[in-house]
Each structure stands twice: as structure tokens, then as C-alpha cells.
Amino acid sequence: MLSGLVHLAFYGLMLAMPLTGWALVSLGAHPISFWGLPWPHMPGVHAIMGDPASKTNRQALKHIHVYILIWLFVLNWALHVAGALKHQFDGRPVLWRMTGLKRPGPPAAAR
């Protein structure tokens, strides 16, 4: 169950982090460039967040993006690593899947 929640949190963060970042840069007056290409401002962000001159809403969104979401990602990543290490050492090795190598066979004593 915990594994499912950690993976669900990763998917939620993969959506929330870019969207809050896009909203944050959309509140600025400068054009947005994404890998050298022009990128549009997020539609409706000024209607939701209020007047562009208001720094309060921008600071609140910046706090959510920089502090809350990133620290949730770090915490989620630590849980993910802890779960992988737990499974590696409790008899169900999983780290071989991350290396891209062939799955190991049964131990030599079991053959």
C-alpha cells in the first residue's frame, strides 16, 4: 500500500511542479522561453491569482513551488529509496532492475 502511495505522489508531483512553475513565470511580465522557443503564458493565471502588480499572490505561489513541493519530492524520493533498499535486503532483490542488467538467477547454494 505504501509503495502505491509513493508512486501516486510521484505522479502528482510530476504534474504539480511544472504547472506551478509555469504559473509562476506566467505572473511575470517578460516573455517565456522554453529551450529557446517562445512559450505562451498560462491561460487564466492572472484571473485566478489577481493583479500582476500584487506580489503577495506571487510570493505564496513561489513558497508552494519552491519549499512545499520540492521538499515533498525529496521526502517522497527518500521513501522510495528506503523501500527499494528494504526489498533488496529482505530477500526480494530489486536493485538489479535499476541497472538494466539481466535478472540474477537463484543463489549458487539453491541450485
PDB file of N, CA and C in Angstrom:
ATOM      1  N   MET A   1       0.825  -1.187   0.000  1.00  0.00           N
ATOM      2  CA  MET A   1       0.000   0.000   0.000  1.00  0.00           C
ATOM      3  C   MET A   1       0.874   1.257   0.000  1.00  0.00           C
ATOM      4  N   LEU A   2       1.948   1.246   0.821  1.00  0.00           N
ATOM      5  CA  LEU A   2       2.830   2.412   0.889  1.00  0.00           C
ATOM      6  C   LEU A   2       3.524   2.641  -0.448  1.00  0.00           C
ATOM      7  N   SER A   3       3.900   1.561  -1.110  1.00  0.00           N
ATOM      8  CA  SER A   3       4.534   1.682  -2.423  1.00  0.00           C
ATOM      9  C   SER A   3       3.601   2.366  -3.418  1.00  0.00           C
ATOM     10  N   GLY A   4       2.352   1.992  -3.403  1.00  0.00           N
ATOM     11  CA  GLY A   4       1.373   2.621  -4.288  1.00  0.00           C
ATOM     12  C   GLY A   4       1.183   4.093  -3.992  1.00  0.00           C
ATOM     13  N   LEU A   5       1.181   4.447  -2.708  1.00  0.00           N
ATOM     14  CA  LEU A   5       1.037   5.859  -2.333  1.00  0.00           C
ATOM     15  C   LEU A   5       2.256   6.680  -2.754  1.00  0.00           C
ATOM     16  N   VAL A   6       3.446   6.098  -2.613  1.00  0.00           N
ATOM     17  CA  VAL A   6       4.668   6.807  -3.019  1.00  0.00           C
ATOM     18  C   VAL A   6       4.664   7.031  -4.526  1.00  0.00           C
ATOM     19  N   HIS A   7       4.284   6.017  -5.289  1.00  0.00           N
ATOM     20  CA  HIS A   7       4.236   6.180  -6.739  1.00  0.00           C
ATOM     21  C   HIS A   7       3.151   7.171  -7.149  1.00  0.00           C
ATOM     22  N   LEU A   8       2.020   7.144  -6.490  1.00  0.00           N
ATOM     23  CA  LEU A   8       0.959   8.110  -6.772  1.00  0.00           C
ATOM     24  C   LEU A   8       1.420   9.528  -6.455  1.00  0.00           C
ATOM     25  N   ALA A   9       2.154   9.689  -5.362  1.00  0.00           N
ATOM     26  CA  ALA A   9       2.694  11.009  -5.018  1.00  0.00           C
ATOM     27  C   ALA A   9       3.693  11.479  -6.073  1.00  0.00           C
ATOM     28  N   PHE A  10       4.519  10.570  -6.603  1.00  0.00           N
ATOM     29  CA  PHE A  10       5.441  10.947  -7.676  1.00  0.00           C
ATOM     30  C   PHE A  10       4.677  11.450  -8.895  1.00  0.00           C
ATOM     31  N   TYR A  11       3.618  10.763  -9.278  1.00  0.00           N
ATOM     32  CA  TYR A  11       2.834  11.210 -10.430  1.00  0.00           C
ATOM     33  C   TYR A  11       2.179  12.564 -10.167  1.00  0.00           C
ATOM     34  N   GLY A  12       1.661  12.754  -8.964  1.00  0.00           N
ATOM     35  CA  GLY A  12       1.069  14.045  -8.622  1.00  0.00           C
ATOM     36  C   GLY A  12       2.100  15.167  -8.647  1.00  0.00           C
ATOM     37  N   LEU A  13       3.288  14.899  -8.133  1.00  0.00           N
ATOM     38  CA  LEU A  13       4.348  15.899  -8.140  1.00  0.00           C
ATOM     39  C   LEU A  13       4.861  16.170  -9.555  1.00  0.00           C
ATOM     40  N   MET A  14       4.864  15.140 -10.408  1.00  0.00           N
ATOM     41  CA  MET A  14       5.290  15.359 -11.789  1.00  0.00           C
ATOM     42  C   MET A  14       4.327  16.278 -12.527  1.00  0.00           C
ATOM     43  N   LEU A  15       3.090  16.338 -12.096  1.00  0.00           N
ATOM     44  CA  LEU A  15       2.135  17.286 -12.677  1.00  0.00           C
ATOM     45  C   LEU A  15       2.187  18.637 -11.970  1.00  0.00           C
ATOM     46  N   ALA A  16       2.232  18.626 -10.656  1.00  0.00           N
ATOM     47  CA  ALA A  16       2.130  19.868  -9.886  1.00  0.00           C
ATOM     48  C   ALA A  16       3.357  20.759 -10.033  1.00  0.00           C
ATOM     49  N   MET A  17       4.545  20.178 -10.043  1.00  0.00           N
ATOM     50  CA  MET A  17       5.748  21.008 -10.090  1.00  0.00           C
ATOM     51  C   MET A  17       5.881  21.804 -11.394  1.00  0.00           C
ATOM     52  N   PRO A  18       5.730  21.195 -12.570  1.00  0.00           N
ATOM     53  CA  PRO A  18       5.820  22.020 -13.784  1.00  0.00           C
ATOM     54  C   PRO A  18       4.670  23.015 -13.909  1.00  0.00           C
ATOM     55  N   LEU A  19       3.471  22.622 -13.470  1.00  0.00           N
ATOM     56  CA  LEU A  19       2.337  23.541 -13.593  1.00  0.00           C
ATOM     57  C   LEU A  19       2.482  24.756 -12.673  1.00  0.00           C
ATOM     58  N   THR A  20       2.945  24.546 -11.445  1.00  0.00           N
ATOM     59  CA  THR A  20       3.144  25.706 -10.568  1.00  0.00           C
ATOM     60  C   THR A  20       4.312  26.560 -11.053  1.00  0.00           C
ATOM     61  N   GLY A  21       5.332  25.937 -11.626  1.00  0.00           N
ATOM     62  CA  GLY A  21       6.431  26.712 -12.203  1.00  0.00           C
ATOM     63  C   GLY A  21       5.977  27.543 -13.390  1.00  0.00           C
ATOM     64  N   TRP A  22       5.162  26.943 -14.239  1.00  0.00           N
ATOM     65  CA  TRP A  22       4.626  27.669 -15.398  1.00  0.00           C
ATOM     66  C   TRP A  22       3.746  28.822 -14.936  1.00  0.00           C
ATOM     67  N   ALA A  23       2.919  28.568 -13.942  1.00  0.00           N
ATOM     68  CA  ALA A  23       2.067  29.641 -13.408  1.00  0.00           C
ATOM     69  C   ALA A  23       2.924  30.748 -12.801  1.00  0.00           C
ATOM     70  N   LEU A  24       3.996  30.384 -12.135  1.00  0.00           N
ATOM     71  CA  LEU A  24       4.866  31.371 -11.501  1.00  0.00           C
ATOM     72  C   LEU A  24       5.531  32.275 -12.542  1.00  0.00           C
ATOM     73  N   VAL A  25       6.079  31.703 -13.605  1.00  0.00           N
ATOM     74  CA  VAL A  25       6.699  32.549 -14.627  1.00  0.00           C
ATOM     75  C   VAL A  25       5.657  33.281 -15.460  1.00  0.00           C
ATOM     76  N   SER A  26       4.434  32.767 -15.502  1.00  0.00           N
ATOM     77  CA  SER A  26       3.366  33.455 -16.230  1.00  0.00           C
ATOM     78  C   SER A  26       2.903  34.718 -15.522  1.00  0.00           C
ATOM     79  N   LEU A  27       3.138  34.800 -14.227  1.00  0.00           N
ATOM     80  CA  LEU A  27       2.771  36.012 -13.495  1.00  0.00           C
ATOM     81  C   LEU A  27       3.716  37.172 -13.795  1.00  0.00           C
ATOM     82  N   GLY A  28       4.883  36.885 -14.338  1.00  0.00           N
ATOM     83  CA  GLY A  28       5.823  37.935 -14.711  1.00  0.00           C
ATOM     84  C   GLY A  28       5.411  38.593 -16.013  1.00  0.00           C
ATOM     85  N   ALA A  29       6.028  39.732 -16.292  1.00  0.00           N
ATOM     86  CA  ALA A  29       5.692  40.489 -17.494  1.00  0.00           C
ATOM     87  C   ALA A  29       6.556  40.089 -18.682  1.00  0.00           C
ATOM     88  N   HIS A  30       7.629  39.364 -18.452  1.00  0.00           N
ATOM     89  CA  HIS A  30       8.555  39.009 -19.521  1.00  0.00           C
ATOM     90  C   HIS A  30       8.042  37.824 -20.329  1.00  0.00           C
ATOM     91  N   PRO A  31       8.429  37.741 -21.605  1.00  0.00           N
ATOM     92  CA  PRO A  31       8.052  36.565 -22.398  1.00  0.00           C
ATOM     93  C   PRO A  31       8.758  35.316 -21.878  1.00  0.00           C
ATOM     94  N   ILE A  32       8.115  34.182 -22.061  1.00  0.00           N
ATOM     95  CA  ILE A  32       8.647  32.913 -21.579  1.00  0.00           C
ATOM     96  C   ILE A  32       9.349  32.213 -22.737  1.00  0.00           C
ATOM     97  N   SER A  33      10.551  31.702 -22.457  1.00  0.00           N
ATOM     98  CA  SER A  33      11.301  30.944 -23.447  1.00  0.00           C
ATOM     99  C   SER A  33      11.510  29.539 -22.903  1.00  0.00           C
ATOM    100  N   PHE A  34      11.154  28.540 -23.688  1.00  0.00           N
ATOM    101  CA  PHE A  34      11.320  27.136 -23.305  1.00  0.00           C
ATOM    102  C   PHE A  34      12.240  26.496 -24.323  1.00  0.00           C
ATOM    103  N   TRP A  35      13.488  26.235 -23.945  1.00  0.00           N
ATOM    104  CA  TRP A  35      14.528  25.695 -24.815  1.00  0.00           C
ATOM    105  C   TRP A  35      14.715  26.577 -26.048  1.00  0.00           C
ATOM    106  N   GLY A  36      14.651  27.876 -25.861  1.00  0.00           N
ATOM    107  CA  GLY A  36      14.848  28.819 -26.944  1.00  0.00           C
ATOM    108  C   GLY A  36      13.612  29.103 -27.768  1.00  0.00           C
ATOM    109  N   LEU A  37      12.538  28.402 -27.507  1.00  0.00           N
ATOM    110  CA  LEU A  37      11.292  28.611 -28.249  1.00  0.00           C
ATOM    111  C   LEU A  37      10.335  29.457 -27.424  1.00  0.00           C
ATOM    112  N   PRO A  38       9.560  30.320 -28.071  1.00  0.00           N
ATOM    113  CA  PRO A  38       8.587  31.112 -27.304  1.00  0.00           C
ATOM    114  C   PRO A  38       7.503  30.213 -26.729  1.00  0.00           C
ATOM    115  N   TRP A  39       7.117  30.492 -25.500  1.00  0.00           N
ATOM    116  CA  TRP A  39       6.109  29.699 -24.814  1.00  0.00           C
ATOM    117  C   TRP A  39       5.024  30.642 -24.310  1.00  0.00           C
ATOM    118  N   PRO A  40       3.759  30.291 -24.441  1.00  0.00           N
ATOM    119  CA  PRO A  40       2.702  31.213 -24.005  1.00  0.00           C
ATOM    120  C   PRO A  40       2.589  31.258 -22.484  1.00  0.00           C
ATOM    121  N   HIS A  41       2.061  32.365 -22.007  1.00  0.00           N
ATOM    122  CA  HIS A  41       1.745  32.459 -20.585  1.00  0.00           C
ATOM    123  C   HIS A  41       0.561  31.539 -20.294  1.00  0.00           C
ATOM    124  N   MET A  42       0.502  31.009 -19.076  1.00  0.00           N
ATOM    125  CA  MET A  42      -0.578  30.100 -18.705  1.00  0.00           C
ATOM    126  C   MET A  42      -1.912  30.844 -18.778  1.00  0.00           C
ATOM    127  N   PRO A  43      -2.863  30.317 -19.525  1.00  0.00           N
ATOM    128  CA  PRO A  43      -4.149  30.997 -19.653  1.00  0.00           C
ATOM    129  C   PRO A  43      -4.886  31.069 -18.311  1.00  0.00           C
ATOM    130  N   GLY A  44      -5.401  32.236 -18.003  1.00  0.00           N
ATOM    131  CA  GLY A  44      -6.236  32.421 -16.817  1.00  0.00           C
ATOM    132  C   GLY A  44      -5.489  32.589 -15.513  1.00  0.00           C
ATOM    133  N   VAL A  45      -4.153  32.578 -15.540  1.00  0.00           N
ATOM    134  CA  VAL A  45      -3.433  32.667 -14.278  1.00  0.00           C
ATOM    135  C   VAL A  45      -3.609  34.044 -13.637  1.00  0.00           C
ATOM    136  N   HIS A  46      -3.711  35.087 -14.438  1.00  0.00           N
ATOM    137  CA  HIS A  46      -3.917  36.424 -13.871  1.00  0.00           C
ATOM    138  C   HIS A  46      -5.325  36.573 -13.292  1.00  0.00           C
ATOM    139  N   ALA A  47      -6.295  35.904 -13.905  1.00  0.00           N
ATOM    140  CA  ALA A  47      -7.662  35.957 -13.376  1.00  0.00           C
ATOM    141  C   ALA A  47      -7.762  35.230 -12.040  1.00  0.00           C
ATOM    142  N   ILE A  48      -7.021  34.146 -11.891  1.00  0.00           N
ATOM    143  CA  ILE A  48      -7.067  33.367 -10.654  1.00  0.00           C
ATOM    144  C   ILE A  48      -6.229  34.018  -9.557  1.00  0.00           C
ATOM    145  N   MET A  49      -5.013  34.459  -9.907  1.00  0.00           N
ATOM    146  CA  MET A  49      -4.079  34.972  -8.912  1.00  0.00           C
ATOM    147  C   MET A  49      -4.243  36.461  -8.630  1.00  0.00           C
ATOM    148  N   GLY A  50      -4.994  37.165  -9.448  1.00  0.00           N
ATOM    149  CA  GLY A  50      -5.222  38.587  -9.192  1.00  0.00           C
ATOM    150  C   GLY A  50      -4.311  39.472 -10.012  1.00  0.00           C
ATOM    151  N   ASP A  51      -4.231  40.712  -9.591  1.00  0.00           N
ATOM    152  CA  ASP A  51      -3.468  41.742 -10.283  1.00  0.00           C
ATOM    153  C   ASP A  51      -1.990  41.356 -10.369  1.00  0.00           C
ATOM    154  N   PRO A  52      -1.369  41.488 -11.562  1.00  0.00           N
ATOM    155  CA  PRO A  52       0.045  41.140 -11.681  1.00  0.00           C
ATOM    156  C   PRO A  52       0.957  41.990 -10.790  1.00  0.00           C
ATOM    157  N   ALA A  53       0.512  43.185 -10.422  1.00  0.00           N
ATOM    158  CA  ALA A  53       1.329  44.043  -9.574  1.00  0.00           C
ATOM    159  C   ALA A  53       1.353  43.549  -8.124  1.00  0.00           C
ATOM    160  N   SER A  54       0.391  42.684  -7.754  1.00  0.00           N
ATOM    161  CA  SER A  54       0.326  42.173  -6.390  1.00  0.00           C
ATOM    162  C   SER A  54       1.408  41.117  -6.176  1.00  0.00           C
ATOM    163  N   LYS A  55       2.333  41.396  -5.288  1.00  0.00           N
ATOM    164  CA  LYS A  55       3.432  40.470  -5.003  1.00  0.00           C
ATOM    165  C   LYS A  55       3.027  39.396  -3.995  1.00  0.00           C
ATOM    166  N   THR A  56       1.942  39.589  -3.290  1.00  0.00           N
ATOM    167  CA  THR A  56       1.533  38.642  -2.253  1.00  0.00           C
ATOM    168  C   THR A  56       1.184  37.284  -2.852  1.00  0.00           C
ATOM    169  N   ASN A  57       0.379  37.291  -3.898  1.00  0.00           N
ATOM    170  CA  ASN A  57      -0.001  36.020  -4.530  1.00  0.00           C
ATOM    171  C   ASN A  57       1.198  35.338  -5.177  1.00  0.00           C
ATOM    172  N   ARG A  58       2.065  36.137  -5.784  1.00  0.00           N
ATOM    173  CA  ARG A  58       3.270  35.563  -6.403  1.00  0.00           C
ATOM    174  C   ARG A  58       4.168  34.932  -5.337  1.00  0.00           C
ATOM    175  N   GLN A  59       4.314  35.581  -4.199  1.00  0.00           N
ATOM    176  CA  GLN A  59       5.137  35.033  -3.127  1.00  0.00           C
ATOM    177  C   GLN A  59       4.528  33.749  -2.563  1.00  0.00           C
ATOM    178  N   ALA A  60       3.197  33.706  -2.460  1.00  0.00           N
ATOM    179  CA  ALA A  60       2.537  32.494  -1.962  1.00  0.00           C
ATOM    180  C   ALA A  60       2.747  31.324  -2.926  1.00  0.00           C
ATOM    181  N   LEU A  61       2.603  31.581  -4.217  1.00  0.00           N
ATOM    182  CA  LEU A  61       2.828  30.529  -5.214  1.00  0.00           C
ATOM    183  C   LEU A  61       4.299  30.103  -5.233  1.00  0.00           C
ATOM    184  N   LYS A  62       5.199  31.059  -5.084  1.00  0.00           N
ATOM    185  CA  LYS A  62       6.627  30.744  -5.036  1.00  0.00           C
ATOM    186  C   LYS A  62       6.941  29.882  -3.818  1.00  0.00           C
ATOM    187  N   HIS A  63       6.325  30.183  -2.687  1.00  0.00           N
ATOM    188  CA  HIS A  63       6.529  29.393  -1.478  1.00  0.00           C
ATOM    189  C   HIS A  63       6.045  27.947  -1.688  1.00  0.00           C
ATOM    190  N   ILE A  64       4.885  27.799  -2.295  1.00  0.00           N
ATOM    191  CA  ILE A  64       4.354  26.461  -2.560  1.00  0.00           C
ATOM    192  C   ILE A  64       5.282  25.697  -3.498  1.00  0.00           C
ATOM    193  N   HIS A  65       5.724  26.353  -4.574  1.00  0.00           N
ATOM    194  CA  HIS A  65       6.562  25.676  -5.572  1.00  0.00           C
ATOM    195  C   HIS A  65       7.946  25.349  -5.024  1.00  0.00           C
ATOM    196  N   VAL A  66       8.602  26.329  -4.423  1.00  0.00           N
ATOM    197  CA  VAL A  66       9.998  26.158  -4.031  1.00  0.00           C
ATOM    198  C   VAL A  66      10.148  25.371  -2.742  1.00  0.00           C
ATOM    199  N   TYR A  67       9.318  25.626  -1.776  1.00  0.00           N
ATOM    200  CA  TYR A  67       9.514  24.994  -0.474  1.00  0.00           C
ATOM    201  C   TYR A  67       8.659  23.753  -0.273  1.00  0.00           C
ATOM    202  N   ILE A  68       7.387  23.846  -0.510  1.00  0.00           N
ATOM    203  CA  ILE A  68       6.496  22.725  -0.183  1.00  0.00           C
ATOM    204  C   ILE A  68       6.644  21.584  -1.186  1.00  0.00           C
ATOM    205  N   LEU A  69       6.489  21.865  -2.482  1.00  0.00           N
ATOM    206  CA  LEU A  69       6.527  20.783  -3.472  1.00  0.00           C
ATOM    207  C   LEU A  69       7.907  20.139  -3.581  1.00  0.00           C
ATOM    208  N   ILE A  70       8.951  20.948  -3.524  1.00  0.00           N
ATOM    209  CA  ILE A  70      10.292  20.368  -3.640  1.00  0.00           C
ATOM    210  C   ILE A  70      10.618  19.525  -2.416  1.00  0.00           C
ATOM    211  N   TRP A  71      10.241  19.988  -1.214  1.00  0.00           N
ATOM    212  CA  TRP A  71      10.509  19.170  -0.028  1.00  0.00           C
ATOM    213  C   TRP A  71       9.642  17.915  -0.002  1.00  0.00           C
ATOM    214  N   LEU A  72       8.423  17.995  -0.537  1.00  0.00           N
ATOM    215  CA  LEU A  72       7.613  16.779  -0.668  1.00  0.00           C
ATOM    216  C   LEU A  72       8.273  15.797  -1.630  1.00  0.00           C
ATOM    217  N   PHE A  73       8.869  16.313  -2.698  1.00  0.00           N
ATOM    218  CA  PHE A  73       9.574  15.448  -3.633  1.00  0.00           C
ATOM    219  C   PHE A  73      10.772  14.779  -2.956  1.00  0.00           C
ATOM    220  N   VAL A  74      11.549  15.539  -2.191  1.00  0.00           N
ATOM    221  CA  VAL A  74      12.715  14.975  -1.504  1.00  0.00           C
ATOM    222  C   VAL A  74      12.278  13.906  -0.511  1.00  0.00           C
ATOM    223  N   LEU A  75      11.238  14.175   0.248  1.00  0.00           N
ATOM    224  CA  LEU A  75      10.720  13.199   1.207  1.00  0.00           C
ATOM    225  C   LEU A  75      10.217  11.944   0.488  1.00  0.00           C
ATOM    226  N   ASN A  76       9.502  12.143  -0.608  1.00  0.00           N
ATOM    227  CA  ASN A  76       8.983  11.017  -1.374  1.00  0.00           C
ATOM    228  C   ASN A  76      10.122  10.194  -1.970  1.00  0.00           C
ATOM    229  N   TRP A  77      11.159  10.864  -2.460  1.00  0.00           N
ATOM    230  CA  TRP A  77      12.313  10.170  -3.008  1.00  0.00           C
ATOM    231  C   TRP A  77      13.004   9.337  -1.920  1.00  0.00           C
ATOM    232  N   ALA A  78      13.132   9.894  -0.710  1.00  0.00           N
ATOM    233  CA  ALA A  78      13.755   9.154   0.393  1.00  0.00           C
ATOM    234  C   ALA A  78      12.932   7.912   0.744  1.00  0.00           C
ATOM    235  N   LEU A  79      11.612   8.033   0.747  1.00  0.00           N
ATOM    236  CA  LEU A  79      10.757   6.869   0.995  1.00  0.00           C
ATOM    237  C   LEU A  79      10.929   5.822  -0.108  1.00  0.00           C
ATOM    238  N   HIS A  80      11.057   6.275  -1.334  1.00  0.00           N
ATOM    239  CA  HIS A  80      11.235   5.371  -2.462  1.00  0.00           C
ATOM    240  C   HIS A  80      12.556   4.597  -2.336  1.00  0.00           C
ATOM    241  N   VAL A  81      13.633   5.294  -2.001  1.00  0.00           N
ATOM    242  CA  VAL A  81      14.936   4.644  -1.832  1.00  0.00           C
ATOM    243  C   VAL A  81      14.896   3.687  -0.643  1.00  0.00           C
ATOM    244  N   ALA A  82      14.266   4.104   0.445  1.00  0.00           N
ATOM    245  CA  ALA A  82      14.172   3.235   1.621  1.00  0.00           C
ATOM    246  C   ALA A  82      13.396   1.964   1.298  1.00  0.00           C
ATOM    247  N   GLY A  83      12.332   2.086   0.533  1.00  0.00           N
ATOM    248  CA  GLY A  83      11.566   0.908   0.139  1.00  0.00           C
ATOM    249  C   GLY A  83      12.368  -0.024  -0.760  1.00  0.00           C
ATOM    250  N   ALA A  84      13.133   0.549  -1.690  1.00  0.00           N
ATOM    251  CA  ALA A  84      13.959  -0.283  -2.574  1.00  0.00           C
ATOM    252  C   ALA A  84      15.039  -1.007  -1.779  1.00  0.00           C
ATOM    253  N   LEU A  85      15.660  -0.322  -0.836  1.00  0.00           N
ATOM    254  CA  LEU A  85      16.691  -0.966  -0.020  1.00  0.00           C
ATOM    255  C   LEU A  85      16.092  -2.034   0.888  1.00  0.00           C
ATOM    256  N   LYS A  86      14.914  -1.775   1.433  1.00  0.00           N
ATOM    257  CA  LYS A  86      14.239  -2.766   2.282  1.00  0.00           C
ATOM    258  C   LYS A  86      13.981  -4.043   1.496  1.00  0.00           C
ATOM    259  N   HIS A  87      13.460  -3.888   0.282  1.00  0.00           N
ATOM    260  CA  HIS A  87      13.167  -5.063  -0.530  1.00  0.00           C
ATOM    261  C   HIS A  87      14.447  -5.746  -1.008  1.00  0.00           C
ATOM    262  N   GLN A  88      15.496  -4.985  -1.223  1.00  0.00           N
ATOM    263  CA  GLN A  88      16.753  -5.587  -1.658  1.00  0.00           C
ATOM    264  C   GLN A  88      17.314  -6.517  -0.590  1.00  0.00           C
ATOM    265  N   PHE A  89      17.197  -6.118   0.665  1.00  0.00           N
ATOM    266  CA  PHE A  89      17.828  -6.885   1.729  1.00  0.00           C
ATOM    267  C   PHE A  89      16.881  -7.824   2.475  1.00  0.00           C
ATOM    268  N   ASP A  90      15.601  -7.855   2.103  1.00  0.00           N
ATOM    269  CA  ASP A  90      14.703  -8.813   2.760  1.00  0.00           C
ATOM    270  C   ASP A  90      14.439 -10.049   1.911  1.00  0.00           C
ATOM    271  N   GLY A  91      15.285 -10.267   0.906  1.00  0.00           N
ATOM    272  CA  GLY A  91      15.167 -11.492   0.117  1.00  0.00           C
ATOM    273  C   GLY A  91      14.489 -11.317  -1.222  1.00  0.00           C
ATOM    274  N   ARG A  92      14.017 -10.115  -1.538  1.00  0.00           N
ATOM    275  CA  ARG A  92      13.407  -9.856  -2.845  1.00  0.00           C
ATOM    276  C   ARG A  92      14.234  -8.798  -3.559  1.00  0.00           C
ATOM    277  N   PRO A  93      15.376  -9.174  -4.154  1.00  0.00           N
ATOM    278  CA  PRO A  93      16.262  -8.167  -4.746  1.00  0.00           C
ATOM    279  C   PRO A  93      15.593  -7.421  -5.898  1.00  0.00           C
ATOM    280  N   VAL A  94      15.629  -6.113  -5.834  1.00  0.00           N
ATOM    281  CA  VAL A  94      15.012  -5.283  -6.867  1.00  0.00           C
ATOM    282  C   VAL A  94      15.999  -4.328  -7.520  1.00  0.00           C
ATOM    283  N   LEU A  95      17.170  -4.153  -6.936  1.00  0.00           N
ATOM    284  CA  LEU A  95      18.108  -3.168  -7.468  1.00  0.00           C
ATOM    285  C   LEU A  95      18.663  -3.561  -8.830  1.00  0.00           C
ATOM    286  N   TRP A  96      18.629  -4.839  -9.184  1.00  0.00           N
ATOM    287  CA  TRP A  96      19.103  -5.275 -10.498  1.00  0.00           C
ATOM    288  C   TRP A  96      18.260  -4.657 -11.607  1.00  0.00           C
ATOM    289  N   ARG A  97      16.990  -4.388 -11.329  1.00  0.00           N
ATOM    290  CA  ARG A  97      16.130  -3.796 -12.352  1.00  0.00           C
ATOM    291  C   ARG A  97      16.559  -2.373 -12.693  1.00  0.00           C
ATOM    292  N   MET A  98      17.151  -1.672 -11.732  1.00  0.00           N
ATOM    293  CA  MET A  98      17.569  -0.295 -11.974  1.00  0.00           C
ATOM    294  C   MET A  98      18.856  -0.220 -12.780  1.00  0.00           C
ATOM    295  N   THR A  99      19.642  -1.284 -12.797  1.00  0.00           N
ATOM    296  CA  THR A  99      20.909  -1.260 -13.519  1.00  0.00           C
ATOM    297  C   THR A  99      20.760  -1.597 -14.986  1.00  0.00           C
ATOM    298  N   GLY A 100      19.672  -2.220 -15.373  1.00  0.00           N
ATOM    299  CA  GLY A 100      19.475  -2.632 -16.751  1.00  0.00           C
ATOM    300  C   GLY A 100      20.164  -3.934 -17.089  1.00  0.00           C
ATOM    301  N   LEU A 101      20.687  -4.607 -16.095  1.00  0.00           N
ATOM    302  CA  LEU A 101      21.364  -5.885 -16.317  1.00  0.00           C
ATOM    303  C   LEU A 101      20.365  -7.026 -16.263  1.00  0.00           C
ATOM    304  N   LYS A 102      20.815  -8.198 -16.662  1.00  0.00           N
ATOM    305  CA  LYS A 102      19.967  -9.379 -16.649  1.00  0.00           C
ATOM    306  C   LYS A 102      19.628  -9.760 -15.217  1.00  0.00           C
ATOM    307  N   ARG A 103      18.433 -10.278 -15.023  1.00  0.00           N
ATOM    308  CA  ARG A 103      17.984 -10.688 -13.700  1.00  0.00           C
ATOM    309  C   ARG A 103      18.877 -11.817 -13.179  1.00  0.00           C
ATOM    310  N   PRO A 104      19.335 -11.709 -11.946  1.00  0.00           N
ATOM    311  CA  PRO A 104      20.184 -12.762 -11.414  1.00  0.00           C
ATOM    312  C   PRO A 104      19.407 -14.052 -11.184  1.00  0.00           C
ATOM    313  N   GLY A 105      20.084 -15.158 -11.348  1.00  0.00           N
ATOM    314  CA  GLY A 105      19.465 -16.457 -11.112  1.00  0.00           C
ATOM    315  C   GLY A 105      19.406 -16.761  -9.638  1.00  0.00           C
ATOM    316  N   PRO A 106      18.946 -17.964  -9.283  1.00  0.00           N
ATOM    317  CA  PRO A 106      18.900 -18.331  -7.867  1.00  0.00           C
ATOM    318  C   PRO A 106      20.326 -18.418  -7.303  1.00  0.00           C
ATOM    319  N   PRO A 107      20.480 -18.271  -5.993  1.00  0.00           N
ATOM    320  CA  PRO A 107      21.812 -18.371  -5.384  1.00  0.00           C
ATOM    321  C   PRO A 107      22.438 -19.719  -5.688  1.00  0.00           C
ATOM    322  N   ALA A 108      23.772 -19.767  -5.664  1.00  0.00           N
ATOM    323  CA  ALA A 108      24.512 -20.989  -6.005  1.00  0.00           C
ATOM    324  C   ALA A 108      24.169 -22.123  -5.051  1.00  0.00           C
ATOM    325  N   ALA A 109      23.883 -21.834  -3.790  1.00  0.00           N
ATOM    326  CA  ALA A 109      23.546 -22.862  -2.810  1.00  0.00           C
ATOM    327  C   ALA A 109      22.200 -23.505  -3.110  1.00  0.00           C
ATOM    328  N   ALA A 110      21.293 -22.810  -3.771  1.00  0.00           N
ATOM    329  CA  ALA A 110      19.960 -23.332  -4.058  1.00  0.00           C
ATOM    330  C   ALA A 110      19.944 -24.205  -5.300  1.00  0.00           C
ATOM    331  N   ARG A 111      20.975 -24.171  -6.117  1.00  0.00           N
ATOM    332  CA  ARG A 111      20.992 -24.958  -7.370  1.00  0.00           C
ATOM    333  C   ARG A 111      21.217 -26.376  -7.154  1.00  0.00           C
TER     334      ARG A 111
END
